[in-house]
Amino acid sequence: MVKPSLQEGATIDGFRIEERIHQGGMATLWRVTPANVSSGVLPLVMKVPRIAEGEDPAAVVSFEMEQMIMPRLSGPHVPKFVAAGDFAVQPYIVMEHIAGPTLLQRLPDLPLPYDEVAALGAKIAVALDDLHRQHVIHLDVKPSNIMFRPSGEAVLLDYGLSHHDRLPDLMREEFRVPFGTAPYMSPEQLLGIRSDPRSDFFALGVLLYFFSTGVRPFGESERLGGMRRRLWRDPQPPRRLRADYPPWLQEIVLHCLEIEPAWRYPTAAQIAFDLSHPDQVKLTQRSERLKRDACTTVLRRRFNKDLRRSIAAPGVATSIAVAPIIAVAVDVVEGADEVNEALRNAAAGILSTRPSARLACLNVLKHGRITLDQTLDEAGHNKQIDRLVALKHWAEPLKLENERLTAHVLEAVDPAAAILEFAKANRVDHILVGARQQSLLRELLGSVSSKVVAEAQCTVTVVRPARVDMA
């Protein structure tokens, strides 16, 4: 069957082609409108693969993958899918047109201020976390595939190279060469592994490094031989390039860029958490490095084939399940010892089965609605510092590694609202909150725990102290 002519003014399956807005190596983008609707519709774009004689056959297969994946995606971090065209007539995808430039347009401004890099990275990490929770690994995270909505959310574009946990992987089935964008490809992608979500964290680490230093961590080489060096060679630490580079940001960047996937962050939510709370980042030797790994380490990686075989992709669902972010609301006032002990036991039980989980200890410093609140207590001590110390004291018996524990004192009029806001902003998977004894005030106003249970967008466990029956 003869395919329709793609030109301005043509109509395909009820979509009128308005203008060509981009032509890439594997597809062309056209702005389109529904032919039978004059106004008030979502701005749309039509993506059409390049399938003429002599074009790359991978373009066809990757477009098939994108046609399978996009209808299964939803939320603010992906373009809304509208329609797809059959290959027998004219293959296309019609989707929401995201207004504004891609992150690629920021390259002339590099290096960006460190706080701006962290803010951009946190938004991208949140988008990746949302994508991974929908069983998709992007595998081509780069500036040209990232846009931002007017409301601020990062939007990930182009799913032609992506892997879906619950769909056939046509790219892997039909080709034996690695696909991706050379500067951003992870070591395991070069080995043909397409099912590891930590590959996206490596690409995000490359982007953070590039945007904060102005230099790509592995250079500009597009040749496969040069790319394979990242299987054993780490990049120069950012502090070697910029003396004022923040240790907390180098800690995050090098954590993302670990050669072995098992040493990277376990989830995108944990990356977003650290980028959003630089004062809570636990510094290790990564943060202090000024030199690359020693030659002996590099040689061990290069010639130890068993080390390469140890790379095991956990799968998207498994990665998120074993590395949740858990928030526990701890009351540090007198009379809460029994509840706090029960909370600690509950947290210990969850953490014992999830060795990659993160625990965020929360306390709400409640403000009066009308009264002017003082930062010091009657003894002249800073209330916030005292509560941070109390939270860390509460967590000591858990014996968690520093990088798995953070403490936060939230200031708010409504404690339940503060806990809910923290959980939403930080992609918390599970909230532990204590329930204290009944009182007239609680009966009239409602409890913090009941409001958290009613409104939280994640799992909530309400913990009560064990009852002791008196003989």
Protein backbone atom coordinates (compact mmCIF):
# COMPACT_ATOMS: atom_id res chain seq x y z
CA MET A 1 0.00 0.00 0.00
CA VAL A 2 1.32 3.46 -0.92
CA LYS A 3 2.12 5.58 2.10
CA PRO A 4 0.59 9.07 2.29
CA SER A 5 2.79 12.00 1.37
CA LEU A 6 4.23 13.75 4.43
CA GLN A 7 4.03 17.44 3.73
CA GLU A 8 2.41 20.51 5.26
CA GLY A 9 -1.34 20.49 4.81
CA ALA A 10 -1.62 16.71 4.35
CA THR A 11 -4.03 14.75 6.55
CA ILE A 12 -3.20 11.33 8.02
CA ASP A 13 -5.81 9.43 10.03
CA GLY A 14 -7.58 12.65 10.97
CA PHE A 15 -4.42 14.60 11.88
CA ARG A 16 -3.47 17.61 9.76
CA ILE A 17 0.27 18.18 9.35
CA GLU A 18 1.15 21.79 10.11
CA GLU A 19 4.96 22.08 10.00
CA ARG A 20 8.14 20.11 10.49
CA ILE A 21 9.79 21.04 13.78
CA HIS A 22 12.71 18.61 13.91
CA GLN A 23 14.49 16.07 11.74
CA GLY A 24 16.79 13.59 13.50
CA GLY A 25 18.78 10.58 12.46
CA MET A 26 15.97 8.10 13.17
CA ALA A 27 12.72 10.12 13.05
CA THR A 28 11.07 13.39 12.03
CA LEU A 29 8.75 15.47 14.19
CA TRP A 30 5.75 17.35 12.81
CA ARG A 31 3.35 19.67 14.60
CA VAL A 32 -0.17 18.40 13.94
CA THR A 33 -3.79 19.25 14.79
CA PRO A 34 -6.93 17.13 14.65
CA ALA A 35 -8.52 17.91 11.28
CA ASN A 36 -12.06 17.99 12.65
CA VAL A 37 -11.35 20.22 15.67
CA SER A 38 -10.71 23.93 15.31
CA SER A 39 -9.51 24.94 18.79
CA GLY A 40 -9.17 24.01 22.43
CA VAL A 41 -7.17 20.82 21.95
CA LEU A 42 -3.90 19.69 23.51
CA PRO A 43 -0.88 20.78 21.40
CA LEU A 44 0.21 17.70 19.49
CA VAL A 45 3.30 16.43 17.71
CA MET A 46 3.59 13.51 15.29
CA LYS A 47 6.76 11.43 15.30
CA VAL A 48 7.46 9.59 12.04
CA PRO A 49 10.33 7.08 11.64
CA ARG A 50 12.79 7.32 8.78
CA ILE A 51 12.21 4.06 6.91
CA ALA A 52 13.21 4.90 3.34
CA GLU A 53 15.62 2.75 1.36
CA GLY A 54 19.10 2.82 2.89
CA GLU A 55 17.95 4.05 6.33
CA ASP A 56 19.21 2.34 9.51
CA PRO A 57 17.07 -0.79 10.18
CA ALA A 58 17.38 -0.08 13.89
CA ALA A 59 15.11 2.93 13.33
CA VAL A 60 12.22 0.61 12.49
CA VAL A 61 12.76 -1.70 15.47
CA SER A 62 13.23 1.14 17.95
CA PHE A 63 10.06 2.78 16.66
CA GLU A 64 8.17 -0.47 17.21
CA MET A 65 9.46 -0.48 20.80
CA GLU A 66 8.29 3.10 21.30
CA GLN A 67 4.86 2.29 19.90
CA MET A 68 4.55 -0.57 22.40
CA ILE A 69 5.85 1.34 25.42
CA MET A 70 4.28 4.80 25.17
CA PRO A 71 0.60 3.74 25.48
CA ARG A 72 1.51 2.09 28.78
CA LEU A 73 2.99 5.25 30.30
CA SER A 74 1.20 7.97 32.20
CA GLY A 75 1.89 10.88 34.51
CA PRO A 76 3.54 14.29 34.26
CA HIS A 77 7.03 12.97 33.42
CA VAL A 78 6.13 11.56 29.98
CA PRO A 79 4.38 13.10 26.96
CA LYS A 80 0.74 12.03 26.85
CA PHE A 81 0.19 9.36 24.19
CA VAL A 82 -2.65 10.06 21.71
CA ALA A 83 -2.46 7.70 18.73
CA ALA A 84 -0.23 5.41 16.65
CA GLY A 85 -0.17 4.51 12.96
CA ASP A 86 0.16 1.05 11.44
CA PHE A 87 3.40 0.17 9.64
CA ALA A 88 1.29 -1.24 6.79
CA VAL A 89 0.05 2.25 5.96
CA GLN A 90 2.07 4.97 7.72
CA PRO A 91 3.85 4.42 11.05
CA TYR A 92 3.66 7.35 13.45
CA ILE A 93 3.10 8.29 17.07
CA VAL A 94 0.97 11.30 17.98
CA MET A 95 1.69 12.63 21.44
CA GLU A 96 1.45 15.73 23.57
CA HIS A 97 3.74 18.53 22.40
CA ILE A 98 5.79 19.72 25.40
CA ALA A 99 6.36 23.45 25.11
CA GLY A 100 9.81 24.90 25.58
CA PRO A 101 13.40 23.89 24.79
CA THR A 102 15.16 20.70 25.77
CA LEU A 103 17.98 20.65 28.29
CA LEU A 104 20.31 20.59 25.27
CA GLN A 105 19.78 24.35 24.89
CA ARG A 106 21.59 24.92 28.20
CA LEU A 107 24.93 23.60 26.94
CA PRO A 108 26.29 27.07 26.03
CA ASP A 109 25.74 28.09 29.67
CA LEU A 110 27.91 25.34 31.17
CA PRO A 111 29.12 24.96 33.81
CA LEU A 112 25.96 25.86 35.72
CA PRO A 113 25.89 26.92 39.39
CA TYR A 114 26.07 23.91 41.69
CA ASP A 115 22.69 24.50 43.32
CA GLU A 116 21.04 24.72 39.90
CA VAL A 117 22.68 21.47 38.81
CA ALA A 118 21.38 19.79 41.96
CA ALA A 119 17.86 21.13 41.39
CA LEU A 120 17.83 19.96 37.76
CA GLY A 121 19.25 16.58 38.73
CA ALA A 122 16.64 16.08 41.46
CA LYS A 123 13.82 16.72 38.98
CA ILE A 124 15.32 14.29 36.46
CA ALA A 125 15.79 11.66 39.18
CA VAL A 126 12.14 12.02 40.21
CA ALA A 127 11.12 11.50 36.56
CA LEU A 128 13.31 8.39 36.35
CA ASP A 129 11.82 7.04 39.56
CA ASP A 130 8.32 7.49 38.15
CA LEU A 131 9.36 5.79 34.90
CA HIS A 132 10.97 2.85 36.71
CA ARG A 133 7.83 2.35 38.79
CA GLN A 134 6.05 1.87 35.45
CA HIS A 135 8.51 -0.96 34.60
CA VAL A 136 10.52 1.04 32.04
CA ILE A 137 14.28 1.70 31.92
CA HIS A 138 15.00 4.62 29.61
CA LEU A 139 18.57 3.72 28.49
CA ASP A 140 19.09 6.99 26.61
CA VAL A 141 19.09 9.71 29.26
CA LYS A 142 20.76 12.79 27.77
CA PRO A 143 20.05 16.54 27.52
CA SER A 144 18.17 16.34 24.20
CA ASN A 145 15.73 13.83 25.73
CA ILE A 146 14.82 15.99 28.73
CA MET A 147 12.36 18.88 28.85
CA PHE A 148 10.59 20.69 31.67
CA ARG A 149 6.93 21.55 31.98
CA PRO A 150 5.94 25.13 32.92
CA SER A 151 4.97 23.64 36.31
CA GLY A 152 8.56 22.42 36.76
CA GLU A 153 8.39 18.64 36.28
CA ALA A 154 11.05 17.02 34.11
CA VAL A 155 9.69 15.17 31.06
CA LEU A 156 11.61 12.26 29.53
CA LEU A 157 11.39 11.90 25.75
CA ASP A 158 12.18 9.17 23.21
CA TYR A 159 11.53 5.56 24.27
CA GLY A 160 12.93 3.85 21.18
CA LEU A 161 15.90 2.38 23.06
CA SER A 162 14.02 1.71 26.29
CA HIS A 163 13.44 -1.62 28.00
CA HIS A 164 10.06 -2.60 29.46
CA ASP A 165 10.11 -5.33 32.09
CA ARG A 166 6.85 -6.80 30.78
CA LEU A 167 7.30 -6.51 27.03
CA PRO A 168 9.54 -8.26 24.49
CA ASP A 169 12.88 -6.47 24.07
CA LEU A 170 13.02 -6.20 20.28
CA MET A 171 16.29 -4.27 20.31
CA ARG A 172 18.04 -7.06 22.17
CA GLU A 173 16.39 -9.81 20.13
CA GLU A 174 17.29 -8.38 16.71
CA PHE A 175 20.66 -6.71 17.29
CA ARG A 176 23.88 -7.72 19.03
CA VAL A 177 25.53 -4.30 19.22
CA PRO A 178 25.02 -1.84 22.10
CA PHE A 179 22.66 1.06 21.45
CA GLY A 180 22.69 4.41 23.17
CA THR A 181 24.40 7.79 23.11
CA ALA A 182 28.13 7.23 23.54
CA PRO A 183 29.02 9.78 26.26
CA TYR A 184 26.13 8.61 28.46
CA MET A 185 26.25 4.83 28.04
CA SER A 186 26.93 2.74 31.13
CA PRO A 187 29.57 -0.02 31.26
CA GLU A 188 26.93 -2.75 31.42
CA GLN A 189 25.18 -1.38 28.31
CA LEU A 190 28.46 -1.88 26.45
CA LEU A 191 28.31 -5.52 27.55
CA GLY A 192 24.81 -5.89 26.09
CA ILE A 193 22.87 -5.66 29.37
CA ARG A 194 19.64 -3.71 28.84
CA SER A 195 17.64 -4.69 31.90
CA ASP A 196 19.43 -2.84 34.71
CA PRO A 197 17.75 0.36 35.97
CA ARG A 198 21.09 1.50 37.39
CA SER A 199 22.19 2.22 33.81
CA ASP A 200 19.95 5.29 33.96
CA PHE A 201 21.72 6.41 37.15
CA PHE A 202 25.07 6.23 35.39
CA ALA A 203 23.73 8.44 32.59
CA LEU A 204 22.37 10.88 35.15
CA GLY A 205 25.80 10.94 36.79
CA VAL A 206 27.38 11.80 33.43
CA LEU A 207 24.87 14.63 33.00
CA LEU A 208 25.49 16.00 36.52
CA TYR A 209 29.26 15.85 35.98
CA PHE A 210 29.01 17.58 32.59
CA PHE A 211 26.62 20.32 33.73
CA SER A 212 28.64 21.11 36.87
CA THR A 213 32.13 21.06 35.32
CA GLY A 214 31.54 21.83 31.64
CA VAL A 215 33.56 18.70 30.76
CA ARG A 216 32.26 15.26 29.82
CA PRO A 217 33.63 12.62 32.23
CA PHE A 218 34.62 10.22 29.42
CA GLY A 219 35.39 12.69 26.65
CA GLU A 220 33.68 12.98 23.29
CA SER A 221 34.79 9.65 21.79
CA GLU A 222 32.14 7.86 19.70
CA ARG A 223 34.33 4.85 18.85
CA LEU A 224 33.46 1.60 20.58
CA GLY A 225 37.08 0.92 21.55
CA GLY A 226 37.31 4.23 23.36
CA MET A 227 33.95 3.73 25.02
CA ARG A 228 35.00 0.35 26.42
CA ARG A 229 37.64 2.02 28.60
CA ARG A 230 34.87 2.94 31.01
CA LEU A 231 34.60 -0.78 31.85
CA TRP A 232 37.76 -0.33 33.89
CA ARG A 233 38.69 3.39 33.94
CA ASP A 234 36.99 5.89 36.24
CA PRO A 235 36.79 9.62 35.34
CA GLN A 236 38.78 12.42 36.91
CA PRO A 237 37.10 13.49 40.18
CA PRO A 238 35.25 16.78 39.64
CA ARG A 239 37.28 18.44 42.40
CA ARG A 240 40.35 17.87 40.23
CA LEU A 241 38.75 20.13 37.61
CA ARG A 242 37.17 22.73 39.91
CA ALA A 243 38.74 23.51 43.27
CA ASP A 244 35.48 24.88 44.70
CA TYR A 245 33.47 21.79 43.81
CA PRO A 246 31.22 20.89 46.77
CA PRO A 247 32.17 17.59 48.46
CA TRP A 248 28.48 16.61 48.77
CA LEU A 249 27.96 16.99 45.00
CA GLN A 250 31.12 15.01 44.18
CA GLU A 251 29.85 12.28 46.54
CA ILE A 252 26.59 12.04 44.59
CA VAL A 253 28.15 12.27 41.13
CA LEU A 254 30.82 9.63 41.74
CA HIS A 255 28.26 7.40 43.46
CA CYS A 256 26.21 7.48 40.23
CA LEU A 257 29.32 6.88 38.11
CA GLU A 258 30.59 3.77 39.87
CA ILE A 259 31.78 1.26 37.25
CA GLU A 260 30.09 -1.68 38.95
CA PRO A 261 26.30 -1.21 39.09
CA ALA A 262 26.05 -2.75 42.57
CA TRP A 263 28.05 0.17 43.96
CA ARG A 264 25.73 2.84 42.55
CA TYR A 265 22.56 4.16 44.12
CA PRO A 266 19.88 1.46 44.26
CA THR A 267 16.98 3.73 43.22
CA ALA A 268 16.40 7.07 41.53
CA ALA A 269 14.35 8.18 44.53
CA GLN A 270 17.44 7.95 46.72
CA ILE A 271 19.39 10.11 44.24
CA ALA A 272 16.59 12.70 44.25
CA PHE A 273 16.60 12.63 48.06
CA ASP A 274 20.33 13.39 48.30
CA LEU A 275 20.20 16.11 45.64
CA SER A 276 17.30 17.74 47.51
CA HIS A 277 19.05 17.54 50.90
CA PRO A 278 22.75 18.33 50.34
CA ASP A 279 23.23 19.00 54.05
CA GLN A 280 22.18 15.39 54.75
CA VAL A 281 24.51 13.70 52.25
CA LYS A 282 26.83 11.32 54.07
CA LEU A 283 30.36 11.93 52.85
CA THR A 284 32.70 9.02 52.13
CA GLN A 285 36.14 8.87 50.53
CA ARG A 286 34.44 9.65 47.21
CA SER A 287 33.86 13.24 48.33
CA GLU A 288 37.58 13.85 49.03
CA ARG A 289 39.14 12.29 45.96
CA LEU A 290 41.44 14.35 43.77
CA LYS A 291 42.86 11.49 41.69
CA ARG A 292 41.57 8.58 39.66
CA ASP A 293 41.76 5.01 40.90
CA ALA A 294 45.23 3.48 41.23
CA CYS A 295 46.69 1.53 38.31
CA THR A 296 46.43 -1.73 40.26
CA THR A 297 42.65 -1.24 40.63
CA VAL A 298 42.31 -0.41 36.95
CA LEU A 299 44.28 -3.50 35.91
CA ARG A 300 42.22 -5.71 38.21
CA ARG A 301 39.02 -4.46 36.56
CA ARG A 302 40.40 -4.81 33.04
CA PHE A 303 41.62 -8.37 33.27
CA ASN A 304 39.27 -9.88 35.87
CA LYS A 305 36.59 -11.45 33.67
CA ASP A 306 34.84 -12.90 36.69
CA LEU A 307 34.27 -9.34 37.89
CA ARG A 308 32.44 -8.49 34.67
CA ARG A 309 30.31 -11.60 34.91
CA SER A 310 29.28 -10.53 38.41
CA ILE A 311 27.17 -7.75 36.96
CA ALA A 312 23.59 -8.85 37.66
CA ALA A 313 20.57 -6.80 36.65
CA PRO A 314 18.00 -6.85 39.47
CA GLY A 315 15.05 -5.67 37.39
CA VAL A 316 13.05 -2.51 37.94
CA ALA A 317 10.42 -3.81 40.36
CA THR A 318 12.98 -5.65 42.48
CA SER A 319 15.27 -2.61 42.73
CA ILE A 320 12.51 -0.41 44.09
CA ALA A 321 11.13 -3.09 46.42
CA VAL A 322 14.45 -3.76 48.18
CA ALA A 323 15.50 -0.12 48.50
CA PRO A 324 12.53 1.91 49.76
CA ILE A 325 12.69 5.26 51.49
CA ILE A 326 11.07 4.89 54.91
CA ALA A 327 10.01 7.89 57.00
CA VAL A 328 9.39 7.46 60.71
CA ALA A 329 7.70 10.24 62.70
CA VAL A 330 9.32 10.33 66.14
CA ASP A 331 7.87 12.29 69.06
CA VAL A 332 10.64 13.60 71.31
CA VAL A 333 8.45 15.03 74.10
CA GLU A 334 8.21 13.41 77.51
CA GLY A 335 5.82 10.49 77.80
CA ALA A 336 6.45 9.13 74.30
CA ASP A 337 9.03 6.50 75.27
CA GLU A 338 6.75 3.51 74.80
CA VAL A 339 5.52 4.67 71.40
CA ASN A 340 9.05 5.49 70.27
CA GLU A 341 10.28 2.08 71.35
CA ALA A 342 7.50 0.45 69.34
CA LEU A 343 8.39 2.62 66.33
CA ARG A 344 12.05 1.62 66.61
CA ASN A 345 11.12 -2.08 66.72
CA ALA A 346 8.88 -1.70 63.68
CA ALA A 347 11.59 0.16 61.76
CA ALA A 348 14.17 -2.47 62.70
CA GLY A 349 11.95 -5.24 61.37
CA ILE A 350 11.51 -3.52 57.99
CA LEU A 351 15.17 -2.54 57.65
CA SER A 352 16.39 -6.05 58.48
CA THR A 353 14.78 -7.41 55.31
CA ARG A 354 15.75 -4.48 53.06
CA PRO A 355 19.49 -3.80 53.37
CA SER A 356 19.40 -0.97 50.81
CA ALA A 357 16.51 0.92 52.42
CA ARG A 358 16.93 4.49 53.63
CA LEU A 359 15.43 5.74 56.91
CA ALA A 360 14.39 9.38 57.32
CA CYS A 361 13.68 10.26 60.97
CA LEU A 362 11.16 13.10 61.25
CA ASN A 363 10.06 15.35 64.05
CA VAL A 364 7.69 18.30 63.71
CA LEU A 365 8.44 21.47 65.62
CA LYS A 366 4.90 22.74 65.93
CA HIS A 367 4.25 26.46 65.55
CA GLY A 368 1.30 28.32 66.98
CA ARG A 369 -1.20 29.73 64.52
CA ILE A 370 -1.14 33.17 66.14
CA THR A 371 1.61 33.27 68.74
CA LEU A 372 5.18 34.30 67.96
CA ASP A 373 7.34 31.19 68.34
CA GLN A 374 10.74 31.25 69.99
CA THR A 375 13.72 29.31 68.64
CA LEU A 376 15.13 28.76 72.14
CA ASP A 377 13.57 26.79 74.99
CA GLU A 378 13.39 27.92 78.61
CA ALA A 379 16.95 26.71 79.25
CA GLY A 380 18.28 28.73 76.29
CA HIS A 381 18.87 25.72 74.04
CA ASN A 382 18.10 25.79 70.31
CA LYS A 383 14.95 23.72 69.86
CA GLN A 384 15.79 22.48 66.38
CA ILE A 385 19.30 21.33 67.28
CA ASP A 386 18.03 19.62 70.43
CA ARG A 387 15.47 17.70 68.40
CA LEU A 388 18.02 16.68 65.75
CA VAL A 389 20.19 15.28 68.54
CA ALA A 390 17.17 13.48 70.01
CA LEU A 391 16.32 11.92 66.62
CA LYS A 392 19.85 10.61 66.20
CA HIS A 393 19.80 9.27 69.75
CA TRP A 394 16.52 7.47 68.96
CA ALA A 395 18.11 5.85 65.88
CA GLU A 396 21.37 4.77 67.53
CA PRO A 397 20.15 1.28 68.56
CA LEU A 398 19.31 0.54 64.91
CA LYS A 399 23.05 0.67 64.11
CA LEU A 400 22.52 1.88 60.56
CA GLU A 401 25.36 2.91 58.27
CA ASN A 402 25.60 6.70 57.99
CA GLU A 403 24.48 6.75 54.36
CA ARG A 404 21.22 4.98 55.25
CA LEU A 405 20.06 7.45 57.92
CA THR A 406 18.93 11.08 57.82
CA ALA A 407 17.27 13.28 60.45
CA HIS A 408 14.84 16.13 59.74
CA VAL A 409 13.11 18.64 61.99
CA LEU A 410 10.10 20.07 60.16
CA GLU A 411 8.59 23.37 61.26
CA ALA A 412 4.83 23.58 60.76
CA VAL A 413 1.50 24.50 62.26
CA ASP A 414 -0.03 21.16 61.24
CA PRO A 415 2.23 18.16 62.02
CA ALA A 416 0.28 15.73 59.85
CA ALA A 417 0.43 18.08 56.85
CA ALA A 418 4.18 18.50 57.32
CA ILE A 419 4.71 14.72 57.35
CA LEU A 420 2.54 14.28 54.26
CA GLU A 421 4.34 17.05 52.39
CA PHE A 422 7.75 15.59 53.23
CA ALA A 423 6.65 12.13 52.08
CA LYS A 424 5.32 13.41 48.77
CA ALA A 425 8.29 15.66 48.00
CA ASN A 426 10.84 12.94 48.80
CA ARG A 427 9.22 9.90 47.16
CA VAL A 428 8.76 8.15 50.50
CA ASP A 429 7.52 4.56 50.11
CA HIS A 430 6.48 3.83 53.69
CA ILE A 431 5.56 6.03 56.68
CA LEU A 432 5.75 4.79 60.26
CA VAL A 433 3.78 6.91 62.70
CA GLY A 434 2.92 6.31 66.34
CA ALA A 435 -0.51 6.39 67.93
CA ARG A 436 -0.64 7.72 71.47
CA GLN A 437 -3.26 7.39 74.17
CA GLN A 438 -6.71 8.86 73.77
CA SER A 439 -7.53 12.33 75.04
CA LEU A 440 -10.42 14.76 74.70
CA LEU A 441 -8.34 17.04 72.47
CA ARG A 442 -7.53 14.16 70.12
CA GLU A 443 -11.19 13.20 69.94
CA LEU A 444 -12.18 16.76 69.03
CA LEU A 445 -9.42 17.59 66.55
CA GLY A 446 -8.45 14.16 65.24
CA SER A 447 -5.03 12.52 65.49
CA VAL A 448 -1.94 13.05 63.39
CA SER A 449 -1.85 9.35 62.55
CA SER A 450 -5.43 9.25 61.29
CA LYS A 451 -4.84 12.18 58.93
CA VAL A 452 -1.61 10.66 57.63
CA VAL A 453 -3.38 7.34 57.01
CA ALA A 454 -6.26 9.05 55.23
CA GLU A 455 -4.20 11.27 52.92
CA ALA A 456 -0.82 9.61 52.33
CA GLN A 457 0.05 8.44 48.81
CA CYS A 458 2.21 5.61 50.12
CA THR A 459 2.02 2.75 52.63
CA VAL A 460 1.42 3.86 56.23
CA THR A 461 1.89 1.76 59.36
CA VAL A 462 0.39 3.07 62.59
CA VAL A 463 2.37 1.68 65.53
CA ARG A 464 1.04 1.31 69.05
CA PRO A 465 3.05 0.34 72.15
CA ALA A 466 2.66 -3.23 73.31
CA ARG A 467 -0.05 -3.69 75.90
CA VAL A 468 0.94 -5.23 79.22
CA ASP A 469 -1.88 -7.07 80.96
CA MET A 470 -1.71 -6.79 84.75
CA ALA A 471 -2.48 -10.02 86.63
